Amino acid sequence: MSTASGSTASGPSKPKPIAIITIGMAGAGKSTFVQRINSYLHALSPPKPPYILNLDPAVTRVPFEANIDIRDTVNYQEVMKQYNLGPNGGILTALNLFTTKFDQVLGLVEKTRGQRRLCYFGHSWPDRDLHLVGKWTTAPATFMSNMLYACSILYKTKLPFILVFNKTDVQPHDFALEWMQDFEVFQAALASHSGTRDSEGEPTYMNSLMNSMSLVLDEFYKHLKAVGVSSMTGAGIKEFFDAVDASRTEYETEYLPELERARQAREQSLKDVKDDSMNRLMADLAVDQERNPEAFAHDRWDEDDNEDDDGGEIDIVDRSEEPWPGQYIDLTRPRRHPDENINWPRPG
């Protein structure tokens, strides 16, 4: 059997698995969508089971079994109680606490070679993002809000982005695609929607604002992949994975080189800062040497003076039993050293 060009002795290198981050507004159908993806991948021949991460600490139940679940690590209700937080603050704090252990999560995920990775986010957060839009976006104002939401996520993560219109079994998404492709159609829908004019018949501020934003987002729509799916019936899932495969090619050809350049620029910036600090330190030492050469000559590191008598072993002191700053001390009881034999006279 001939060996393909560029392959190693152990065979050609396998492509890295695809990571999909599912985010969206409340009620968009994120949980059922992830379950539909999970079911679709298990039904393939041969099956390709994904590695699923649930990163929503506030969800009560998910219709899939997550390999890693943030709820196993952080108790969302206890976080709200202990830190006196509301729902949103509790979610943010729970996620921040979970990030302290995220190196362990990455270590587990790296072992799942060849598996797709599905990250379920209950709230907007940020190799691949997809944003779910619910069926209620037939209102122009709600549609525009979703598009701004998607645009902000795209430019924040700088990753390939797929816009998923969920629940197409209830409301087809053709109108949304038409709004994205034809600016005048959206303007007509906006003008015909109730509440766009005040009592005097003039366009409201919201109407003017959405008109202006739709012009700004027109360029954004041209570079956006949009698919319609039904998590209930499974319609559109194949088209979704076609968009995922196209996003992978886009990531490798466009995003990855840019991310590498950004990483190298960041590393070079850190190196420049370290070099500048070291140069300033050496310059200060040179000035001190010129001002006081005798003191500088005696300021040497003598290894013989730092050797321990017992062969250089380090004595580790356990201070777990010693009081620490802020520890409670009972001032009503006398404090003495255990070796001291002192009898304190009681007041007459």
Protein backbone atom coordinates (compact mmCIF):
# COMPACT_ATOMS: atom_id res chain seq x y z
CA MET A 1 0.00 0.00 0.00
CA SER A 2 1.49 3.28 -1.05
CA THR A 3 1.89 6.09 1.44
CA ALA A 4 0.27 9.42 0.63
CA SER A 5 2.51 12.44 0.23
CA GLY A 6 3.01 14.38 3.45
CA SER A 7 1.93 11.53 5.71
CA THR A 8 3.98 10.33 8.63
CA ALA A 9 5.22 6.84 9.34
CA SER A 10 2.09 6.12 11.34
CA GLY A 11 -0.19 7.19 8.51
CA PRO A 12 -1.75 10.44 7.27
CA SER A 13 -2.67 12.92 9.96
CA LYS A 14 -6.37 13.11 10.73
CA PRO A 15 -8.12 16.47 10.47
CA LYS A 16 -8.86 18.14 13.73
CA PRO A 17 -12.44 17.81 15.01
CA ILE A 18 -14.91 20.62 14.55
CA ALA A 19 -16.00 22.60 17.61
CA ILE A 20 -19.49 24.11 17.49
CA ILE A 21 -20.66 26.68 20.06
CA THR A 22 -24.44 27.00 20.28
CA ILE A 23 -25.71 30.32 21.60
CA GLY A 24 -28.94 32.25 21.31
CA MET A 25 -31.63 34.15 23.12
CA ALA A 26 -33.98 32.57 25.64
CA GLY A 27 -36.59 30.32 24.02
CA ALA A 28 -34.76 30.02 20.69
CA GLY A 29 -34.65 26.22 20.99
CA LYS A 30 -30.96 25.70 21.78
CA SER A 31 -31.43 22.54 23.86
CA THR A 32 -33.64 20.79 21.33
CA PHE A 33 -31.32 21.85 18.52
CA VAL A 34 -28.29 20.31 20.24
CA GLN A 35 -30.34 17.15 20.85
CA ARG A 36 -31.26 17.03 17.15
CA ILE A 37 -27.59 17.37 16.17
CA ASN A 38 -26.69 14.64 18.64
CA SER A 39 -29.36 12.33 17.23
CA TYR A 40 -28.30 13.06 13.64
CA LEU A 41 -24.63 12.25 14.29
CA HIS A 42 -25.50 9.04 16.12
CA ALA A 43 -27.71 7.95 13.20
CA LEU A 44 -24.92 8.22 10.63
CA SER A 45 -23.31 5.10 9.21
CA PRO A 46 -20.88 4.67 10.84
CA PRO A 47 -22.06 6.70 13.85
CA LYS A 48 -20.08 9.81 14.76
CA PRO A 49 -21.06 10.56 18.37
CA PRO A 50 -20.15 14.09 19.48
CA TYR A 51 -18.47 15.19 22.69
CA ILE A 52 -20.99 17.51 24.35
CA LEU A 53 -20.29 20.25 26.90
CA ASN A 54 -23.12 21.98 28.75
CA LEU A 55 -21.98 25.44 29.85
CA ASP A 56 -25.36 26.76 31.04
CA PRO A 57 -25.35 26.68 34.86
CA ALA A 58 -29.01 27.74 35.18
CA VAL A 59 -30.70 25.17 32.93
CA THR A 60 -32.92 22.76 34.88
CA ARG A 61 -32.99 19.92 32.35
CA VAL A 62 -31.37 19.17 28.99
CA PRO A 63 -32.65 16.52 26.55
CA PHE A 64 -29.17 15.11 26.01
CA GLU A 65 -26.44 13.60 28.14
CA ALA A 66 -23.49 15.97 28.36
CA ASN A 67 -19.96 14.61 28.69
CA ILE A 68 -19.01 17.67 30.74
CA ASP A 69 -21.66 19.62 32.62
CA ILE A 70 -20.95 22.88 34.42
CA ARG A 71 -23.72 22.01 36.90
CA ASP A 72 -21.55 19.18 38.22
CA THR A 73 -18.93 21.74 39.25
CA VAL A 74 -20.82 24.93 40.13
CA ASN A 75 -24.11 25.17 42.02
CA TYR A 76 -25.89 28.10 40.44
CA GLN A 77 -28.42 28.54 43.24
CA GLU A 78 -25.72 28.52 45.92
CA VAL A 79 -23.72 31.10 43.98
CA MET A 80 -26.73 33.42 43.99
CA LYS A 81 -27.21 32.94 47.74
CA GLN A 82 -23.59 33.27 48.83
CA TYR A 83 -22.81 36.28 46.65
CA ASN A 84 -26.27 37.89 46.97
CA LEU A 85 -26.75 38.03 43.19
CA GLY A 86 -29.64 38.02 40.79
CA PRO A 87 -30.13 35.53 37.93
CA ASN A 88 -27.83 37.22 35.42
CA GLY A 89 -25.14 37.99 37.99
CA GLY A 90 -25.34 34.41 39.23
CA ILE A 91 -24.79 33.06 35.72
CA LEU A 92 -21.80 35.31 35.09
CA THR A 93 -20.24 34.46 38.46
CA ALA A 94 -20.82 30.73 37.95
CA LEU A 95 -19.11 30.92 34.56
CA ASN A 96 -16.20 32.86 36.05
CA LEU A 97 -15.80 30.23 38.76
CA PHE A 98 -15.88 27.48 36.15
CA THR A 99 -13.14 29.15 34.12
CA THR A 100 -10.75 28.60 37.03
CA LYS A 101 -10.95 24.88 36.20
CA PHE A 102 -11.10 25.27 32.44
CA ASP A 103 -7.58 23.98 31.95
CA GLN A 104 -8.88 20.62 33.15
CA VAL A 105 -11.78 20.87 30.70
CA LEU A 106 -9.39 21.51 27.82
CA GLY A 107 -7.28 18.56 28.93
CA LEU A 108 -10.31 16.27 28.75
CA VAL A 109 -11.47 17.68 25.44
CA GLU A 110 -8.03 17.23 23.85
CA LYS A 111 -8.32 13.49 24.48
CA THR A 112 -11.41 13.25 22.27
CA ARG A 113 -9.57 13.09 18.96
CA GLY A 114 -11.86 12.72 15.96
CA GLN A 115 -15.10 13.69 17.73
CA ARG A 116 -17.16 16.76 17.01
CA ARG A 117 -17.43 19.00 20.04
CA LEU A 118 -20.75 20.63 20.83
CA CYS A 119 -20.67 23.41 23.40
CA TYR A 120 -24.12 24.43 24.60
CA PHE A 121 -24.31 27.96 25.95
CA GLY A 122 -27.60 29.05 27.44
CA HIS A 123 -26.66 32.71 27.08
CA SER A 124 -24.59 34.82 24.77
CA TRP A 125 -20.90 34.34 25.36
CA PRO A 126 -18.58 33.33 23.17
CA ASP A 127 -13.63 26.83 16.28
CA ARG A 128 -17.19 27.78 15.18
CA ASP A 129 -20.19 29.77 16.39
CA LEU A 130 -23.83 29.42 15.52
CA HIS A 131 -26.61 31.70 16.67
CA LEU A 132 -30.18 30.43 16.94
CA VAL A 133 -33.09 32.69 16.11
CA GLY A 134 -36.59 31.79 17.30
CA LYS A 135 -39.85 31.92 15.38
CA TRP A 136 -41.06 35.22 16.87
CA THR A 137 -38.70 37.30 14.71
CA THR A 138 -41.47 38.14 12.22
CA ALA A 139 -41.58 41.57 13.85
CA PRO A 140 -39.03 43.85 12.15
CA ALA A 141 -37.81 45.29 15.46
CA THR A 142 -37.19 41.82 16.95
CA PHE A 143 -35.52 40.67 13.74
CA MET A 144 -33.19 43.68 13.80
CA SER A 145 -32.37 43.01 17.45
CA ASN A 146 -31.38 39.44 16.60
CA MET A 147 -29.22 40.60 13.70
CA LEU A 148 -27.36 43.13 15.85
CA TYR A 149 -26.89 40.42 18.45
CA ALA A 150 -25.43 38.08 15.81
CA CYS A 151 -23.23 40.82 14.37
CA SER A 152 -21.71 41.65 17.74
CA ILE A 153 -20.93 37.97 18.43
CA LEU A 154 -19.32 37.54 15.02
CA TYR A 155 -16.95 40.46 15.41
CA LYS A 156 -16.19 39.63 19.05
CA THR A 157 -15.24 35.99 18.47
CA LYS A 158 -13.69 36.43 15.00
CA LEU A 159 -14.75 32.90 14.08
CA PRO A 160 -16.91 31.45 11.28
CA PHE A 161 -20.53 32.15 12.09
CA ILE A 162 -23.72 30.35 11.08
CA LEU A 163 -27.12 31.96 11.61
CA VAL A 164 -29.71 29.24 12.29
CA PHE A 165 -33.41 30.05 12.00
CA ASN A 166 -34.99 27.43 14.26
CA LYS A 167 -38.60 26.23 14.48
CA THR A 168 -39.26 26.38 10.74
CA ASP A 169 -42.05 23.83 11.28
CA VAL A 170 -44.00 26.63 12.99
CA GLN A 171 -42.83 29.64 10.98
CA PRO A 172 -40.90 29.34 7.68
CA HIS A 173 -37.77 31.45 7.51
CA ASP A 174 -38.17 32.57 3.90
CA PHE A 175 -39.29 36.04 4.97
CA ALA A 176 -36.09 36.51 6.99
CA LEU A 177 -33.85 35.50 4.09
CA GLU A 178 -35.76 37.92 1.86
CA TRP A 179 -35.30 40.72 4.38
CA MET A 180 -31.57 40.00 4.49
CA GLN A 181 -31.22 39.93 0.70
CA ASP A 182 -33.49 42.81 -0.28
CA PHE A 183 -33.27 46.06 1.66
CA GLU A 184 -36.45 47.49 0.11
CA VAL A 185 -38.55 44.50 1.19
CA PHE A 186 -37.47 45.05 4.79
CA GLN A 187 -38.28 48.75 4.48
CA ALA A 188 -41.77 47.90 3.25
CA ALA A 189 -42.31 45.45 6.11
CA LEU A 190 -41.08 48.05 8.57
CA ALA A 191 -43.41 50.73 7.18
CA SER A 192 -46.43 48.41 7.33
CA HIS A 193 -45.76 47.31 10.89
CA SER A 194 -47.85 48.91 13.61
CA GLY A 195 -46.18 51.41 15.89
CA THR A 196 -43.81 52.84 13.31
CA ARG A 197 -45.55 56.24 13.20
CA ASP A 198 -46.57 58.60 15.96
CA SER A 199 -49.94 60.28 16.50
CA GLU A 200 -49.10 62.94 13.92
CA GLY A 201 -48.23 60.39 11.25
CA GLU A 202 -44.49 60.99 11.39
CA PRO A 203 -42.00 58.09 11.58
CA THR A 204 -41.00 57.29 15.14
CA TYR A 205 -37.44 57.35 16.40
CA MET A 206 -37.39 53.54 16.48
CA ASN A 207 -38.48 53.42 12.86
CA SER A 208 -35.71 55.79 11.77
CA LEU A 209 -33.16 53.92 13.86
CA MET A 210 -34.05 50.53 12.33
CA ASN A 211 -33.90 52.03 8.85
CA SER A 212 -30.40 53.28 9.50
CA MET A 213 -29.25 50.01 11.10
CA SER A 214 -30.61 47.95 8.23
CA LEU A 215 -28.38 49.93 5.86
CA VAL A 216 -25.37 49.32 8.08
CA LEU A 217 -26.06 45.58 8.32
CA ASP A 218 -26.55 45.16 4.59
CA GLU A 219 -22.83 44.44 4.13
CA PHE A 220 -22.90 42.12 7.13
CA TYR A 221 -25.60 39.97 5.51
CA LYS A 222 -23.46 39.35 2.43
CA HIS A 223 -20.85 37.42 4.43
CA LEU A 224 -23.24 35.48 6.65
CA LYS A 225 -24.32 31.84 6.30
CA ALA A 226 -27.99 31.38 7.17
CA VAL A 227 -29.92 28.11 7.30
CA GLY A 228 -33.39 27.16 8.45
CA VAL A 229 -33.92 24.08 10.59
CA SER A 230 -36.63 22.41 12.59
CA SER A 231 -35.35 20.81 15.75
CA MET A 232 -38.70 19.05 16.09
CA THR A 233 -38.82 17.34 12.68
CA GLY A 234 -35.12 17.39 11.76
CA ALA A 235 -35.69 19.34 8.55
CA GLY A 236 -32.64 21.34 7.44
CA ILE A 237 -30.08 19.50 9.59
CA LYS A 238 -28.22 18.19 6.55
CA GLU A 239 -28.03 21.71 5.12
CA PHE A 240 -26.74 22.90 8.47
CA PHE A 241 -23.85 20.42 8.38
CA ASP A 242 -23.11 21.47 4.80
CA ALA A 243 -22.72 25.01 6.15
CA VAL A 244 -20.49 23.65 8.94
CA ASP A 245 -18.19 21.97 6.41
CA ALA A 246 -18.03 25.19 4.39
CA SER A 247 -17.21 27.10 7.58
CA ARG A 248 -14.37 24.70 8.29
CA THR A 249 -12.78 25.49 4.93
CA GLU A 250 -13.33 29.19 5.56
CA TYR A 251 -11.70 28.89 9.00
CA GLU A 252 -8.61 27.12 7.67
CA THR A 253 -8.09 29.47 4.72
CA GLU A 254 -9.11 32.85 6.14
CA TYR A 255 -9.51 32.88 9.92
CA LEU A 256 -6.64 30.62 11.01
CA PRO A 257 -3.86 32.61 9.28
CA GLU A 258 -5.22 35.83 10.78
CA LEU A 259 -5.43 34.26 14.25
CA GLU A 260 -1.84 33.02 13.91
CA ARG A 261 -0.67 36.50 12.96
CA ALA A 262 -2.51 37.96 15.95
CA ARG A 263 -0.97 35.36 18.27
CA GLN A 264 2.53 36.03 16.98
CA ALA A 265 2.01 39.77 17.30
CA ARG A 266 0.83 39.32 20.90
CA GLU A 267 3.83 37.13 21.75
CA GLN A 268 6.19 39.63 20.15
CA SER A 269 4.58 42.45 22.11
CA LEU A 270 5.06 40.55 25.38
CA LYS A 271 8.66 39.80 24.45
CA ASP A 272 9.31 43.46 23.69
CA VAL A 273 7.91 44.44 27.09
CA LYS A 274 10.12 41.88 28.86
CA ASP A 275 13.21 42.96 26.90
CA ASP A 276 12.52 46.62 27.68
CA SER A 277 12.16 45.85 31.40
CA MET A 278 15.40 43.86 31.41
CA ASN A 279 17.29 46.60 29.54
CA ARG A 280 16.11 49.23 32.02
CA LEU A 281 17.12 46.99 34.92
CA MET A 282 20.61 46.45 33.49
CA ALA A 283 20.94 50.20 32.86
CA ASP A 284 20.04 50.93 36.48
CA LEU A 285 22.58 48.37 37.69
CA ALA A 286 25.26 49.94 35.50
CA VAL A 287 24.52 53.36 36.99
CA ASP A 288 24.77 51.93 40.52
CA GLN A 289 28.10 50.31 39.66
CA GLU A 290 29.51 53.59 38.39
CA ARG A 291 28.35 55.54 41.44
CA ASN A 292 29.51 53.04 44.06
CA PRO A 293 31.96 50.50 42.59
CA GLU A 294 33.19 49.28 46.01
CA ALA A 295 29.72 48.30 47.21
CA PHE A 296 28.99 46.66 43.89
CA ALA A 297 32.19 44.57 44.15
CA HIS A 298 31.07 43.17 47.54
CA ASP A 299 27.54 42.53 46.32
CA ARG A 300 28.21 39.06 44.92
CA TRP A 301 26.37 35.78 45.16
CA ASP A 302 28.43 33.33 47.20
CA GLU A 303 27.05 29.83 46.84
CA ASP A 304 29.14 28.56 49.78
CA ASP A 305 27.35 30.88 52.19
CA ASN A 306 23.94 29.51 51.16
CA GLU A 307 24.62 25.82 51.50
CA ASP A 308 22.77 24.04 54.28
CA ASP A 309 24.68 21.97 56.82
CA ASP A 310 22.48 18.94 56.14
CA GLY A 311 23.39 18.67 52.50
CA GLY A 312 21.24 21.41 50.97
CA GLU A 313 17.81 19.94 51.72
CA ILE A 314 14.98 22.41 52.06
CA ASP A 315 13.14 22.51 55.37
CA ILE A 316 9.42 22.78 54.69
CA VAL A 317 7.48 24.44 57.49
CA ASP A 318 3.86 23.50 57.92
CA ARG A 319 2.06 26.64 59.03
CA SER A 320 -1.42 25.20 58.83
CA GLU A 321 -1.74 25.25 62.64
CA GLU A 322 -0.45 28.79 63.05
CA PRO A 323 -2.89 31.70 63.21
CA TRP A 324 -3.33 33.68 60.04
CA PRO A 325 -4.26 37.35 59.59
CA GLY A 326 -7.92 37.85 60.30
CA GLN A 327 -8.30 34.61 62.26
CA TYR A 328 -10.73 34.72 65.19
CA ILE A 329 -8.95 35.04 68.54
CA ASP A 330 -10.77 34.69 71.86
CA LEU A 331 -9.60 37.73 73.78
CA THR A 332 -11.23 36.46 76.98
CA ARG A 333 -8.66 33.68 77.29
CA PRO A 334 -4.98 34.27 78.11
CA ARG A 335 -2.55 33.53 75.29
CA ARG A 336 0.81 32.04 76.16
CA HIS A 337 3.46 29.85 74.68
CA PRO A 338 3.01 26.13 75.50
CA ASP A 339 6.46 26.06 77.17
CA GLU A 340 5.76 29.03 79.42
CA ASN A 341 4.86 28.20 82.99
CA ILE A 342 3.13 31.37 84.06
CA ASN A 343 0.36 31.66 86.60
CA TRP A 344 -1.62 34.81 85.99
CA PRO A 345 -3.09 36.25 89.19
CA ARG A 346 -6.81 36.65 89.13
CA PRO A 347 -8.11 40.13 90.00
CA GLY A 348 -9.13 40.47 93.66
